[in-house]
Amino acid sequence: MSVQPSRQTNIENILDALISDGGFLCAVVAAKDGLPLAMVGRADTELMAAIAASMRDLAERAHPALTEIITRDAQGGLIVIRYFAVDKDPLLLSISVPFKRAHRRLTNRAIRQIKQIWTK
């Protein structure tokens, strides 16, 4: 009998592919409250998750249907935060994107894959 990888391991594999394919610095999937569920890369991913959750709370007051927040640093790098739900579980995907890198197609793919893993 073979052991199936955990949900966290499967999501980390998705995130590994995401940062590899996009040349991103790091990626994290977290619960709505910022609790990291899976993290990969070279940055403070726990801090990224907490900031993403805090930004969501603040922005939800102004715009309840918010699905994405993007912040830019002084060098042009981005922190992209995508909000999505699987069943009734609100989740967020946060990635650190270097200057002039595309991210939309890759994050869409990762979110689709995470939703498939989540419902198994």
C-alpha atoms as a PDB file:
ATOM      1  CA  MET A   1       0.000   0.000   0.000  1.00  0.00           C
ATOM      2  CA  SER A   2       1.471   3.361  -1.031  1.00  0.00           C
ATOM      3  CA  VAL A   3       1.217   6.433   1.134  1.00  0.00           C
ATOM      4  CA  GLN A   4      -0.399   9.447  -0.504  1.00  0.00           C
ATOM      5  CA  PRO A   5       1.384  12.791  -0.037  1.00  0.00           C
ATOM      6  CA  SER A   6      -0.305  15.208   2.350  1.00  0.00           C
ATOM      7  CA  ARG A   7      -2.302  18.189   1.143  1.00  0.00           C
ATOM      8  CA  GLN A   8       0.507  20.463   2.359  1.00  0.00           C
ATOM      9  CA  THR A   9       3.117  18.503   0.389  1.00  0.00           C
ATOM     10  CA  ASN A  10       0.972  18.642  -2.755  1.00  0.00           C
ATOM     11  CA  ILE A  11       0.470  22.395  -2.383  1.00  0.00           C
ATOM     12  CA  GLU A  12       4.190  22.921  -1.758  1.00  0.00           C
ATOM     13  CA  ASN A  13       4.882  21.023  -4.999  1.00  0.00           C
ATOM     14  CA  ILE A  14       2.490  23.368  -6.830  1.00  0.00           C
ATOM     15  CA  LEU A  15       4.237  26.386  -5.284  1.00  0.00           C
ATOM     16  CA  ASP A  16       7.680  24.998  -6.189  1.00  0.00           C
ATOM     17  CA  ALA A  17       6.565  24.733  -9.820  1.00  0.00           C
ATOM     18  CA  LEU A  18       5.047  28.235  -9.650  1.00  0.00           C
ATOM     19  CA  ILE A  19       8.239  29.935  -8.457  1.00  0.00           C
ATOM     20  CA  SER A  20      10.391  27.858 -10.786  1.00  0.00           C
ATOM     21  CA  ASP A  21       8.256  28.555 -13.879  1.00  0.00           C
ATOM     22  CA  GLY A  22       7.847  32.251 -13.077  1.00  0.00           C
ATOM     23  CA  GLY A  23      11.260  33.017 -11.642  1.00  0.00           C
ATOM     24  CA  PHE A  24       9.536  34.260  -8.489  1.00  0.00           C
ATOM     25  CA  LEU A  25      11.295  34.628  -5.135  1.00  0.00           C
ATOM     26  CA  CYS A  26       8.776  32.902  -2.890  1.00  0.00           C
ATOM     27  CA  ALA A  27       5.163  31.830  -2.592  1.00  0.00           C
ATOM     28  CA  VAL A  28       2.811  31.076   0.270  1.00  0.00           C
ATOM     29  CA  VAL A  29      -0.718  29.724   0.571  1.00  0.00           C
ATOM     30  CA  ALA A  30      -2.416  30.782   3.779  1.00  0.00           C
ATOM     31  CA  ALA A  31      -5.762  30.733   5.506  1.00  0.00           C
ATOM     32  CA  LYS A  32      -7.760  33.958   5.612  1.00  0.00           C
ATOM     33  CA  ASP A  33      -6.291  34.771   9.042  1.00  0.00           C
ATOM     34  CA  GLY A  34      -2.736  34.559   7.659  1.00  0.00           C
ATOM     35  CA  LEU A  35      -1.851  31.120   9.052  1.00  0.00           C
ATOM     36  CA  PRO A  36       0.561  29.667   6.464  1.00  0.00           C
ATOM     37  CA  LEU A  37      -0.543  26.316   5.029  1.00  0.00           C
ATOM     38  CA  ALA A  38       2.348  25.869   2.576  1.00  0.00           C
ATOM     39  CA  MET A  39       5.449  27.981   1.901  1.00  0.00           C
ATOM     40  CA  VAL A  40       8.386  27.817  -0.510  1.00  0.00           C
ATOM     41  CA  GLY A  41      11.163  30.184  -1.566  1.00  0.00           C
ATOM     42  CA  ARG A  42      13.741  32.620  -0.304  1.00  0.00           C
ATOM     43  CA  ALA A  43      11.917  35.185   1.815  1.00  0.00           C
ATOM     44  CA  ASP A  44      10.013  35.615   5.051  1.00  0.00           C
ATOM     45  CA  THR A  45       6.911  33.777   3.868  1.00  0.00           C
ATOM     46  CA  GLU A  46       5.259  33.805   7.294  1.00  0.00           C
ATOM     47  CA  LEU A  47       5.479  37.597   7.330  1.00  0.00           C
ATOM     48  CA  MET A  48       4.129  37.685   3.757  1.00  0.00           C
ATOM     49  CA  ALA A  49       1.101  35.619   4.824  1.00  0.00           C
ATOM     50  CA  ALA A  50       0.393  37.823   7.823  1.00  0.00           C
ATOM     51  CA  ILE A  51       0.658  41.019   5.771  1.00  0.00           C
ATOM     52  CA  ALA A  52      -1.599  39.548   3.072  1.00  0.00           C
ATOM     53  CA  ALA A  53      -4.269  38.677   5.649  1.00  0.00           C
ATOM     54  CA  SER A  54      -4.046  42.139   7.237  1.00  0.00           C
ATOM     55  CA  MET A  55      -4.344  43.849   3.866  1.00  0.00           C
ATOM     56  CA  ARG A  56      -7.366  41.712   3.070  1.00  0.00           C
ATOM     57  CA  ASP A  57      -9.127  42.767   6.279  1.00  0.00           C
ATOM     58  CA  LEU A  58      -8.456  46.431   5.576  1.00  0.00           C
ATOM     59  CA  ALA A  59      -9.432  46.262   1.902  1.00  0.00           C
ATOM     60  CA  GLU A  60     -12.574  44.176   2.537  1.00  0.00           C
ATOM     61  CA  ARG A  61     -14.052  47.068   4.458  1.00  0.00           C
ATOM     62  CA  ALA A  62     -13.740  49.258   1.368  1.00  0.00           C
ATOM     63  CA  HIS A  63     -14.489  46.613  -1.283  1.00  0.00           C
ATOM     64  CA  PRO A  64     -15.995  43.289  -0.137  1.00  0.00           C
ATOM     65  CA  ALA A  65     -15.576  41.531  -3.496  1.00  0.00           C
ATOM     66  CA  LEU A  66     -11.804  42.042  -3.552  1.00  0.00           C
ATOM     67  CA  THR A  67      -9.857  39.225  -5.249  1.00  0.00           C
ATOM     68  CA  GLU A  68      -6.346  40.672  -5.606  1.00  0.00           C
ATOM     69  CA  ILE A  69      -3.961  43.207  -4.105  1.00  0.00           C
ATOM     70  CA  ILE A  70      -0.623  44.140  -5.683  1.00  0.00           C
ATOM     71  CA  THR A  71       2.045  46.223  -3.966  1.00  0.00           C
ATOM     72  CA  ARG A  72       5.241  47.467  -5.604  1.00  0.00           C
ATOM     73  CA  ASP A  73       8.588  48.098  -3.912  1.00  0.00           C
ATOM     74  CA  ALA A  74      11.130  50.808  -4.791  1.00  0.00           C
ATOM     75  CA  GLN A  75      12.951  48.464  -7.205  1.00  0.00           C
ATOM     76  CA  GLY A  76       9.749  47.594  -9.090  1.00  0.00           C
ATOM     77  CA  GLY A  77       9.283  44.153  -7.542  1.00  0.00           C
ATOM     78  CA  LEU A  78       5.753  43.091  -6.658  1.00  0.00           C
ATOM     79  CA  ILE A  79       3.993  41.304  -3.850  1.00  0.00           C
ATOM     80  CA  VAL A  80       0.917  39.808  -5.488  1.00  0.00           C
ATOM     81  CA  ILE A  81      -1.845  38.556  -3.226  1.00  0.00           C
ATOM     82  CA  ARG A  82      -4.675  36.555  -4.800  1.00  0.00           C
ATOM     83  CA  TYR A  83      -7.727  35.710  -2.693  1.00  0.00           C
ATOM     84  CA  PHE A  84      -9.861  32.684  -3.518  1.00  0.00           C
ATOM     85  CA  ALA A  85     -12.120  30.133  -1.863  1.00  0.00           C
ATOM     86  CA  VAL A  86     -12.390  26.391  -2.053  1.00  0.00           C
ATOM     87  CA  ASP A  87     -15.839  25.318  -0.901  1.00  0.00           C
ATOM     88  CA  LYS A  88     -16.256  27.500   2.190  1.00  0.00           C
ATOM     89  CA  ASP A  89     -12.546  27.832   2.931  1.00  0.00           C
ATOM     90  CA  PRO A  90     -11.173  31.315   2.138  1.00  0.00           C
ATOM     91  CA  LEU A  91      -7.510  31.105   1.127  1.00  0.00           C
ATOM     92  CA  LEU A  92      -4.838  33.410  -0.200  1.00  0.00           C
ATOM     93  CA  LEU A  93      -1.889  32.925  -2.511  1.00  0.00           C
ATOM     94  CA  SER A  94       0.914  35.437  -2.086  1.00  0.00           C
ATOM     95  CA  ILE A  95       3.997  35.598  -4.315  1.00  0.00           C
ATOM     96  CA  SER A  96       7.055  37.803  -4.522  1.00  0.00           C
ATOM     97  CA  VAL A  97       7.564  38.777  -8.168  1.00  0.00           C
ATOM     98  CA  PRO A  98      10.792  40.365  -9.444  1.00  0.00           C
ATOM     99  CA  PHE A  99      10.626  43.470 -11.657  1.00  0.00           C
ATOM    100  CA  LYS A 100       8.999  42.946 -15.082  1.00  0.00           C
ATOM    101  CA  ARG A 101       7.877  39.351 -14.576  1.00  0.00           C
ATOM    102  CA  ALA A 102       4.427  38.196 -15.663  1.00  0.00           C
ATOM    103  CA  HIS A 103       2.379  36.425 -13.008  1.00  0.00           C
ATOM    104  CA  ARG A 104      -1.333  36.225 -13.913  1.00  0.00           C
ATOM    105  CA  ARG A 105      -1.335  33.051 -16.033  1.00  0.00           C
ATOM    106  CA  LEU A 106       0.902  31.194 -13.589  1.00  0.00           C
ATOM    107  CA  THR A 107      -1.082  32.201 -10.510  1.00  0.00           C
ATOM    108  CA  ASN A 108      -4.332  31.246 -12.251  1.00  0.00           C
ATOM    109  CA  ARG A 109      -2.873  27.803 -12.960  1.00  0.00           C
ATOM    110  CA  ALA A 110      -1.620  27.396  -9.383  1.00  0.00           C
ATOM    111  CA  ILE A 111      -5.011  28.378  -7.926  1.00  0.00           C
ATOM    112  CA  ARG A 112      -6.768  25.855 -10.197  1.00  0.00           C
ATOM    113  CA  GLN A 113      -4.367  23.138  -9.078  1.00  0.00           C
ATOM    114  CA  ILE A 114      -4.741  24.046  -5.394  1.00  0.00           C
ATOM    115  CA  LYS A 115      -8.527  23.858  -5.713  1.00  0.00           C
ATOM    116  CA  GLN A 116      -8.210  20.361  -7.202  1.00  0.00           C
ATOM    117  CA  ILE A 117      -5.912  19.213  -4.375  1.00  0.00           C
ATOM    118  CA  TRP A 118      -8.092  20.816  -1.713  1.00  0.00           C
ATOM    119  CA  THR A 119     -11.259  18.967  -2.735  1.00  0.00           C
ATOM    120  CA  LYS A 120      -9.659  15.495  -2.812  1.00  0.00           C
END
